[in-house]
Amino acid sequence: GIGVLIGALGAGGGAQQLGLLDDVQGTIDKINALRPLVDGVKDVAGWLTSSWWVAAIVAGALVWRQFGAVIRRRVQQQISGEHA
């Protein structure tokens, strides 16, 4: 166990001397810069999942608005015998 610890410390010191830890820190900084965006997406997703019924109502209204005329026309054709 002590040998592994000493080896890890030596590898960490070597990585620091070569500047590898700077690259890692730069990557971490880039990821942290995206955190507000990710948090915003999580908030919107949480709201949508808790309010799914609002989306269902909106989707139903859009479908009714888009296809209502077609349905009425087809029913009229069926009633009149035009569409058998």
PDB file of N, CA and C in Angstrom:
ATOM      1  N   GLY A   1       0.798  -1.184   0.000  1.00  0.00           N
ATOM      2  CA  GLY A   1       0.000   0.000   0.000  1.00  0.00           C
ATOM      3  C   GLY A   1       0.851   1.262   0.000  1.00  0.00           C
ATOM      4  N   ILE A   2       1.932   1.210   0.775  1.00  0.00           N
ATOM      5  CA  ILE A   2       2.797   2.396   0.846  1.00  0.00           C
ATOM      6  C   ILE A   2       3.492   2.607  -0.497  1.00  0.00           C
ATOM      7  N   GLY A   3       3.866   1.498  -1.137  1.00  0.00           N
ATOM      8  CA  GLY A   3       4.515   1.604  -2.451  1.00  0.00           C
ATOM      9  C   GLY A   3       3.598   2.239  -3.482  1.00  0.00           C
ATOM     10  N   VAL A   4       2.344   1.866  -3.453  1.00  0.00           N
ATOM     11  CA  VAL A   4       1.375   2.458  -4.391  1.00  0.00           C
ATOM     12  C   VAL A   4       1.211   3.943  -4.108  1.00  0.00           C
ATOM     13  N   LEU A   5       1.149   4.307  -2.830  1.00  0.00           N
ATOM     14  CA  LEU A   5       1.011   5.710  -2.455  1.00  0.00           C
ATOM     15  C   LEU A   5       2.220   6.521  -2.924  1.00  0.00           C
ATOM     16  N   ILE A   6       3.405   5.999  -2.716  1.00  0.00           N
ATOM     17  CA  ILE A   6       4.615   6.706  -3.148  1.00  0.00           C
ATOM     18  C   ILE A   6       4.646   6.830  -4.664  1.00  0.00           C
ATOM     19  N   GLY A   7       4.261   5.750  -5.355  1.00  0.00           N
ATOM     20  CA  GLY A   7       4.213   5.791  -6.824  1.00  0.00           C
ATOM     21  C   GLY A   7       3.204   6.816  -7.324  1.00  0.00           C
ATOM     22  N   ALA A   8       2.049   6.904  -6.679  1.00  0.00           N
ATOM     23  CA  ALA A   8       1.030   7.863  -7.088  1.00  0.00           C
ATOM     24  C   ALA A   8       1.510   9.297  -6.861  1.00  0.00           C
ATOM     25  N   LEU A   9       2.159   9.524  -5.731  1.00  0.00           N
ATOM     26  CA  LEU A   9       2.695  10.860  -5.466  1.00  0.00           C
ATOM     27  C   LEU A   9       3.764  11.231  -6.488  1.00  0.00           C
ATOM     28  N   GLY A  10       4.609  10.282  -6.839  1.00  0.00           N
ATOM     29  CA  GLY A  10       5.644  10.534  -7.846  1.00  0.00           C
ATOM     30  C   GLY A  10       5.028  10.833  -9.208  1.00  0.00           C
ATOM     31  N   ALA A  11       3.986  10.076  -9.581  1.00  0.00           N
ATOM     32  CA  ALA A  11       3.319  10.320 -10.864  1.00  0.00           C
ATOM     33  C   ALA A  11       2.649  11.688 -10.855  1.00  0.00           C
ATOM     34  N   GLY A  12       2.047  12.058  -9.733  1.00  0.00           N
ATOM     35  CA  GLY A  12       1.417  13.378  -9.629  1.00  0.00           C
ATOM     36  C   GLY A  12       2.434  14.496  -9.747  1.00  0.00           C
ATOM     37  N   GLY A  13       3.577  14.331  -9.118  1.00  0.00           N
ATOM     38  CA  GLY A  13       4.638  15.337  -9.214  1.00  0.00           C
ATOM     39  C   GLY A  13       5.170  15.445 -10.631  1.00  0.00           C
ATOM     40  N   GLY A  14       5.337  14.311 -11.290  1.00  0.00           N
ATOM     41  CA  GLY A  14       5.799  14.329 -12.685  1.00  0.00           C
ATOM     42  C   GLY A  14       4.784  14.980 -13.604  1.00  0.00           C
ATOM     43  N   ALA A  15       3.519  14.705 -13.377  1.00  0.00           N
ATOM     44  CA  ALA A  15       2.472  15.306 -14.201  1.00  0.00           C
ATOM     45  C   ALA A  15       2.453  16.817 -14.009  1.00  0.00           C
ATOM     46  N   GLN A  16       2.684  17.250 -12.776  1.00  0.00           N
ATOM     47  CA  GLN A  16       2.695  18.691 -12.510  1.00  0.00           C
ATOM     48  C   GLN A  16       3.892  19.336 -13.203  1.00  0.00           C
ATOM     49  N   GLN A  17       5.053  18.682 -13.177  1.00  0.00           N
ATOM     50  CA  GLN A  17       6.249  19.231 -13.816  1.00  0.00           C
ATOM     51  C   GLN A  17       6.078  19.325 -15.326  1.00  0.00           C
ATOM     52  N   LEU A  18       5.344  18.406 -15.931  1.00  0.00           N
ATOM     53  CA  LEU A  18       5.149  18.401 -17.383  1.00  0.00           C
ATOM     54  C   LEU A  18       4.010  19.318 -17.829  1.00  0.00           C
ATOM     55  N   GLY A  19       3.251  19.872 -16.893  1.00  0.00           N
ATOM     56  CA  GLY A  19       2.150  20.763 -17.240  1.00  0.00           C
ATOM     57  C   GLY A  19       0.864  20.033 -17.573  1.00  0.00           C
ATOM     58  N   LEU A  20       0.795  18.742 -17.303  1.00  0.00           N
ATOM     59  CA  LEU A  20      -0.411  17.974 -17.613  1.00  0.00           C
ATOM     60  C   LEU A  20      -1.581  18.390 -16.738  1.00  0.00           C
ATOM     61  N   LEU A  21      -1.297  18.803 -15.514  1.00  0.00           N
ATOM     62  CA  LEU A  21      -2.381  19.213 -14.629  1.00  0.00           C
ATOM     63  C   LEU A  21      -3.018  20.519 -15.097  1.00  0.00           C
ATOM     64  N   ASP A  22      -2.262  21.361 -15.799  1.00  0.00           N
ATOM     65  CA  ASP A  22      -2.835  22.588 -16.351  1.00  0.00           C
ATOM     66  C   ASP A  22      -3.895  22.257 -17.402  1.00  0.00           C
ATOM     67  N   ASP A  23      -3.607  21.242 -18.236  1.00  0.00           N
ATOM     68  CA  ASP A  23      -4.574  20.816 -19.245  1.00  0.00           C
ATOM     69  C   ASP A  23      -5.838  20.282 -18.589  1.00  0.00           C
ATOM     70  N   VAL A  24      -5.663  19.518 -17.525  1.00  0.00           N
ATOM     71  CA  VAL A  24      -6.817  18.981 -16.805  1.00  0.00           C
ATOM     72  C   VAL A  24      -7.630  20.120 -16.203  1.00  0.00           C
ATOM     73  N   GLN A  25      -6.959  21.089 -15.624  1.00  0.00           N
ATOM     74  CA  GLN A  25      -7.659  22.233 -15.025  1.00  0.00           C
ATOM     75  C   GLN A  25      -8.401  23.023 -16.092  1.00  0.00           C
ATOM     76  N   GLY A  26      -7.804  23.177 -17.273  1.00  0.00           N
ATOM     77  CA  GLY A  26      -8.474  23.877 -18.368  1.00  0.00           C
ATOM     78  C   GLY A  26      -9.747  23.154 -18.794  1.00  0.00           C
ATOM     79  N   THR A  27      -9.684  21.820 -18.843  1.00  0.00           N
ATOM     80  CA  THR A  27     -10.863  21.029 -19.194  1.00  0.00           C
ATOM     81  C   THR A  27     -11.942  21.170 -18.128  1.00  0.00           C
ATOM     82  N   ILE A  28     -11.549  21.143 -16.880  1.00  0.00           N
ATOM     83  CA  ILE A  28     -12.506  21.308 -15.782  1.00  0.00           C
ATOM     84  C   ILE A  28     -13.156  22.692 -15.848  1.00  0.00           C
ATOM     85  N   ASP A  29     -12.382  23.719 -16.177  1.00  0.00           N
ATOM     86  CA  ASP A  29     -12.933  25.070 -16.297  1.00  0.00           C
ATOM     87  C   ASP A  29     -13.957  25.156 -17.428  1.00  0.00           C
ATOM     88  N   LYS A  30     -13.681  24.480 -18.543  1.00  0.00           N
ATOM     89  CA  LYS A  30     -14.625  24.472 -19.661  1.00  0.00           C
ATOM     90  C   LYS A  30     -15.925  23.777 -19.272  1.00  0.00           C
ATOM     91  N   ILE A  31     -15.812  22.689 -18.556  1.00  0.00           N
ATOM     92  CA  ILE A  31     -17.003  21.962 -18.114  1.00  0.00           C
ATOM     93  C   ILE A  31     -17.808  22.816 -17.144  1.00  0.00           C
ATOM     94  N   ASN A  32     -17.129  23.492 -16.231  1.00  0.00           N
ATOM     95  CA  ASN A  32     -17.819  24.360 -15.271  1.00  0.00           C
ATOM     96  C   ASN A  32     -18.496  25.542 -15.960  1.00  0.00           C
ATOM     97  N   ALA A  33     -17.957  25.986 -17.102  1.00  0.00           N
ATOM     98  CA  ALA A  33     -18.579  27.084 -17.838  1.00  0.00           C
ATOM     99  C   ALA A  33     -19.930  26.658 -18.416  1.00  0.00           C
ATOM    100  N   LEU A  34     -20.113  25.368 -18.664  1.00  0.00           N
ATOM    101  CA  LEU A  34     -21.374  24.856 -19.206  1.00  0.00           C
ATOM    102  C   LEU A  34     -22.422  24.586 -18.129  1.00  0.00           C
ATOM    103  N   ARG A  35     -22.027  24.659 -16.881  1.00  0.00           N
ATOM    104  CA  ARG A  35     -22.942  24.323 -15.785  1.00  0.00           C
ATOM    105  C   ARG A  35     -24.235  25.135 -15.797  1.00  0.00           C
ATOM    106  N   PRO A  36     -24.212  26.467 -16.033  1.00  0.00           N
ATOM    107  CA  PRO A  36     -25.486  27.205 -16.060  1.00  0.00           C
ATOM    108  C   PRO A  36     -26.435  26.708 -17.158  1.00  0.00           C
ATOM    109  N   LEU A  37     -25.884  26.365 -18.303  1.00  0.00           N
ATOM    110  CA  LEU A  37     -26.707  25.838 -19.388  1.00  0.00           C
ATOM    111  C   LEU A  37     -27.331  24.504 -19.003  1.00  0.00           C
ATOM    112  N   VAL A  38     -26.530  23.624 -18.442  1.00  0.00           N
ATOM    113  CA  VAL A  38     -27.029  22.311 -18.026  1.00  0.00           C
ATOM    114  C   VAL A  38     -28.079  22.463 -16.930  1.00  0.00           C
ATOM    115  N   ASP A  39     -27.843  23.363 -15.986  1.00  0.00           N
ATOM    116  CA  ASP A  39     -28.820  23.588 -14.918  1.00  0.00           C
ATOM    117  C   ASP A  39     -30.133  24.128 -15.478  1.00  0.00           C
ATOM    118  N   GLY A  40     -30.056  25.007 -16.465  1.00  0.00           N
ATOM    119  CA  GLY A  40     -31.260  25.539 -17.096  1.00  0.00           C
ATOM    120  C   GLY A  40     -32.058  24.462 -17.807  1.00  0.00           C
ATOM    121  N   VAL A  41     -31.357  23.589 -18.516  1.00  0.00           N
ATOM    122  CA  VAL A  41     -32.022  22.489 -19.211  1.00  0.00           C
ATOM    123  C   VAL A  41     -32.673  21.552 -18.199  1.00  0.00           C
ATOM    124  N   LYS A  42     -31.990  21.295 -17.089  1.00  0.00           N
ATOM    125  CA  LYS A  42     -32.569  20.438 -16.049  1.00  0.00           C
ATOM    126  C   LYS A  42     -33.826  21.062 -15.467  1.00  0.00           C
ATOM    127  N   ASP A  43     -33.814  22.378 -15.262  1.00  0.00           N
ATOM    128  CA  ASP A  43     -34.994  23.063 -14.715  1.00  0.00           C
ATOM    129  C   ASP A  43     -36.172  22.965 -15.671  1.00  0.00           C
ATOM    130  N   VAL A  44     -35.927  23.193 -16.958  1.00  0.00           N
ATOM    131  CA  VAL A  44     -37.003  23.109 -17.952  1.00  0.00           C
ATOM    132  C   VAL A  44     -37.526  21.685 -18.045  1.00  0.00           C
ATOM    133  N   ALA A  45     -36.620  20.708 -18.059  1.00  0.00           N
ATOM    134  CA  ALA A  45     -37.047  19.306 -18.123  1.00  0.00           C
ATOM    135  C   ALA A  45     -37.861  18.932 -16.888  1.00  0.00           C
ATOM    136  N   GLY A  46     -37.467  19.420 -15.734  1.00  0.00           N
ATOM    137  CA  GLY A  46     -38.213  19.143 -14.513  1.00  0.00           C
ATOM    138  C   GLY A  46     -39.604  19.752 -14.562  1.00  0.00           C
ATOM    139  N   TRP A  47     -39.714  20.979 -15.086  1.00  0.00           N
ATOM    140  CA  TRP A  47     -41.019  21.610 -15.205  1.00  0.00           C
ATOM    141  C   TRP A  47     -41.894  20.847 -16.194  1.00  0.00           C
ATOM    142  N   LEU A  48     -41.304  20.441 -17.330  1.00  0.00           N
ATOM    143  CA  LEU A  48     -42.087  19.723 -18.338  1.00  0.00           C
ATOM    144  C   LEU A  48     -42.593  18.385 -17.813  1.00  0.00           C
ATOM    145  N   THR A  49     -41.769  17.685 -17.064  1.00  0.00           N
ATOM    146  CA  THR A  49     -42.216  16.392 -16.553  1.00  0.00           C
ATOM    147  C   THR A  49     -43.267  16.547 -15.472  1.00  0.00           C
ATOM    148  N   SER A  50     -43.206  17.632 -14.715  1.00  0.00           N
ATOM    149  CA  SER A  50     -44.224  17.833 -13.684  1.00  0.00           C
ATOM    150  C   SER A  50     -45.505  18.419 -14.275  1.00  0.00           C
ATOM    151  N   SER A  51     -45.417  19.049 -15.423  1.00  0.00           N
ATOM    152  CA  SER A  51     -46.576  19.670 -16.060  1.00  0.00           C
ATOM    153  C   SER A  51     -46.846  19.037 -17.425  1.00  0.00           C
ATOM    154  N   TRP A  52     -46.734  17.735 -17.515  1.00  0.00           N
ATOM    155  CA  TRP A  52     -46.920  17.038 -18.791  1.00  0.00           C
ATOM    156  C   TRP A  52     -48.320  17.236 -19.337  1.00  0.00           C
ATOM    157  N   TRP A  53     -49.269  17.436 -18.446  1.00  0.00           N
ATOM    158  CA  TRP A  53     -50.652  17.580 -18.881  1.00  0.00           C
ATOM    159  C   TRP A  53     -50.862  18.864 -19.677  1.00  0.00           C
ATOM    160  N   VAL A  54     -50.051  19.891 -19.396  1.00  0.00           N
ATOM    161  CA  VAL A  54     -50.151  21.123 -20.181  1.00  0.00           C
ATOM    162  C   VAL A  54     -49.721  20.840 -21.618  1.00  0.00           C
ATOM    163  N   ALA A  55     -48.623  20.104 -21.770  1.00  0.00           N
ATOM    164  CA  ALA A  55     -48.155  19.744 -23.109  1.00  0.00           C
ATOM    165  C   ALA A  55     -49.180  18.873 -23.829  1.00  0.00           C
ATOM    166  N   ALA A  56     -49.861  17.991 -23.102  1.00  0.00           N
ATOM    167  CA  ALA A  56     -50.876  17.136 -23.722  1.00  0.00           C
ATOM    168  C   ALA A  56     -52.057  17.968 -24.213  1.00  0.00           C
ATOM    169  N   ILE A  57     -52.468  18.961 -23.437  1.00  0.00           N
ATOM    170  CA  ILE A  57     -53.566  19.833 -23.859  1.00  0.00           C
ATOM    171  C   ILE A  57     -53.174  20.628 -25.096  1.00  0.00           C
ATOM    172  N   VAL A  58     -51.981  21.180 -25.087  1.00  0.00           N
ATOM    173  CA  VAL A  58     -51.516  21.961 -26.232  1.00  0.00           C
ATOM    174  C   VAL A  58     -51.417  21.079 -27.474  1.00  0.00           C
ATOM    175  N   ALA A  59     -50.872  19.877 -27.322  1.00  0.00           N
ATOM    176  CA  ALA A  59     -50.753  18.963 -28.457  1.00  0.00           C
ATOM    177  C   ALA A  59     -52.131  18.585 -28.990  1.00  0.00           C
ATOM    178  N   GLY A  60     -53.071  18.312 -28.100  1.00  0.00           N
ATOM    179  CA  GLY A  60     -54.429  17.981 -28.529  1.00  0.00           C
ATOM    180  C   GLY A  60     -55.078  19.135 -29.274  1.00  0.00           C
ATOM    181  N   ALA A  61     -54.904  20.341 -28.786  1.00  0.00           N
ATOM    182  CA  ALA A  61     -55.474  21.510 -29.456  1.00  0.00           C
ATOM    183  C   ALA A  61     -54.862  21.706 -30.835  1.00  0.00           C
ATOM    184  N   LEU A  62     -53.556  21.507 -30.947  1.00  0.00           N
ATOM    185  CA  LEU A  62     -52.900  21.648 -32.248  1.00  0.00           C
ATOM    186  C   LEU A  62     -53.383  20.596 -33.237  1.00  0.00           C
ATOM    187  N   VAL A  63     -53.539  19.371 -32.782  1.00  0.00           N
ATOM    188  CA  VAL A  63     -54.036  18.307 -33.656  1.00  0.00           C
ATOM    189  C   VAL A  63     -55.471  18.603 -34.084  1.00  0.00           C
ATOM    190  N   TRP A  64     -56.301  19.021 -33.133  1.00  0.00           N
ATOM    191  CA  TRP A  64     -57.685  19.345 -33.456  1.00  0.00           C
ATOM    192  C   TRP A  64     -57.747  20.487 -34.469  1.00  0.00           C
ATOM    193  N   ARG A  65     -56.928  21.509 -34.247  1.00  0.00           N
ATOM    194  CA  ARG A  65     -56.903  22.664 -35.156  1.00  0.00           C
ATOM    195  C   ARG A  65     -56.406  22.265 -36.537  1.00  0.00           C
ATOM    196  N   GLN A  66     -55.393  21.428 -36.587  1.00  0.00           N
ATOM    197  CA  GLN A  66     -54.789  21.039 -37.861  1.00  0.00           C
ATOM    198  C   GLN A  66     -55.686  20.083 -38.645  1.00  0.00           C
ATOM    199  N   PHE A  67     -56.266  19.111 -37.975  1.00  0.00           N
ATOM    200  CA  PHE A  67     -56.980  18.051 -38.675  1.00  0.00           C
ATOM    201  C   PHE A  67     -58.493  18.093 -38.487  1.00  0.00           C
ATOM    202  N   GLY A  68     -59.026  19.068 -37.759  1.00  0.00           N
ATOM    203  CA  GLY A  68     -60.464  19.152 -37.519  1.00  0.00           C
ATOM    204  C   GLY A  68     -61.258  19.302 -38.803  1.00  0.00           C
ATOM    205  N   ALA A  69     -60.789  20.139 -39.722  1.00  0.00           N
ATOM    206  CA  ALA A  69     -61.497  20.346 -40.986  1.00  0.00           C
ATOM    207  C   ALA A  69     -61.516  19.069 -41.814  1.00  0.00           C
ATOM    208  N   VAL A  70     -60.448  18.340 -41.806  1.00  0.00           N
ATOM    209  CA  VAL A  70     -60.383  17.085 -42.550  1.00  0.00           C
ATOM    210  C   VAL A  70     -61.371  16.080 -41.974  1.00  0.00           C
ATOM    211  N   ILE A  71     -61.425  15.993 -40.671  1.00  0.00           N
ATOM    212  CA  ILE A  71     -62.338  15.050 -40.024  1.00  0.00           C
ATOM    213  C   ILE A  71     -63.783  15.443 -40.320  1.00  0.00           C
ATOM    214  N   ARG A  72     -64.113  16.727 -40.222  1.00  0.00           N
ATOM    215  CA  ARG A  72     -65.483  17.169 -40.519  1.00  0.00           C
ATOM    216  C   ARG A  72     -65.855  16.864 -41.967  1.00  0.00           C
ATOM    217  N   ARG A  73     -64.941  17.105 -42.896  1.00  0.00           N
ATOM    218  CA  ARG A  73     -65.204  16.831 -44.316  1.00  0.00           C
ATOM    219  C   ARG A  73     -65.424  15.346 -44.555  1.00  0.00           C
ATOM    220  N   ARG A  74     -64.597  14.507 -43.935  1.00  0.00           N
ATOM    221  CA  ARG A  74     -64.738  13.054 -44.120  1.00  0.00           C
ATOM    222  C   ARG A  74     -66.056  12.538 -43.527  1.00  0.00           C
ATOM    223  N   VAL A  75     -66.455  13.092 -42.382  1.00  0.00           N
ATOM    224  CA  VAL A  75     -67.733  12.689 -41.783  1.00  0.00           C
ATOM    225  C   VAL A  75     -68.875  13.100 -42.702  1.00  0.00           C
ATOM    226  N   GLN A  76     -68.834  14.319 -43.251  1.00  0.00           N
ATOM    227  CA  GLN A  76     -69.871  14.777 -44.176  1.00  0.00           C
ATOM    228  C   GLN A  76     -69.921  13.894 -45.429  1.00  0.00           C
ATOM    229  N   GLN A  77     -68.753  13.494 -45.930  1.00  0.00           N
ATOM    230  CA  GLN A  77     -68.727  12.606 -47.097  1.00  0.00           C
ATOM    231  C   GLN A  77     -69.343  11.254 -46.764  1.00  0.00           C
ATOM    232  N   GLN A  78     -69.090  10.770 -45.581  1.00  0.00           N
ATOM    233  CA  GLN A  78     -69.653   9.494 -45.157  1.00  0.00           C
ATOM    234  C   GLN A  78     -71.185   9.595 -45.019  1.00  0.00           C
ATOM    235  N   ILE A  79     -71.660  10.687 -44.432  1.00  0.00           N
ATOM    236  CA  ILE A  79     -73.091  10.876 -44.245  1.00  0.00           C
ATOM    237  C   ILE A  79     -73.799  11.024 -45.594  1.00  0.00           C
ATOM    238  N   SER A  80     -73.185  11.770 -46.500  1.00  0.00           N
ATOM    239  CA  SER A  80     -73.825  12.011 -47.805  1.00  0.00           C
ATOM    240  C   SER A  80     -73.705  10.814 -48.738  1.00  0.00           C
ATOM    241  N   GLY A  81     -72.875   9.869 -48.419  1.00  0.00           N
ATOM    242  CA  GLY A  81     -72.686   8.694 -49.275  1.00  0.00           C
ATOM    243  C   GLY A  81     -71.613   8.891 -50.323  1.00  0.00           C
ATOM    244  N   GLU A  82     -70.993  10.047 -50.354  1.00  0.00           N
ATOM    245  CA  GLU A  82     -69.924  10.323 -51.307  1.00  0.00           C
ATOM    246  C   GLU A  82     -68.722   9.412 -51.052  1.00  0.00           C
ATOM    247  N   HIS A  83     -68.462   9.161 -49.793  1.00  0.00           N
ATOM    248  CA  HIS A  83     -67.343   8.298 -49.394  1.00  0.00           C
ATOM    249  C   HIS A  83     -67.912   7.051 -48.760  1.00  0.00           C
ATOM    250  N   ALA A  84     -67.852   5.960 -49.506  1.00  0.00           N
ATOM    251  CA  ALA A  84     -68.467   4.723 -48.997  1.00  0.00           C
ATOM    252  C   ALA A  84     -67.455   3.818 -48.362  1.00  0.00           C
TER     253      ALA A  84
END
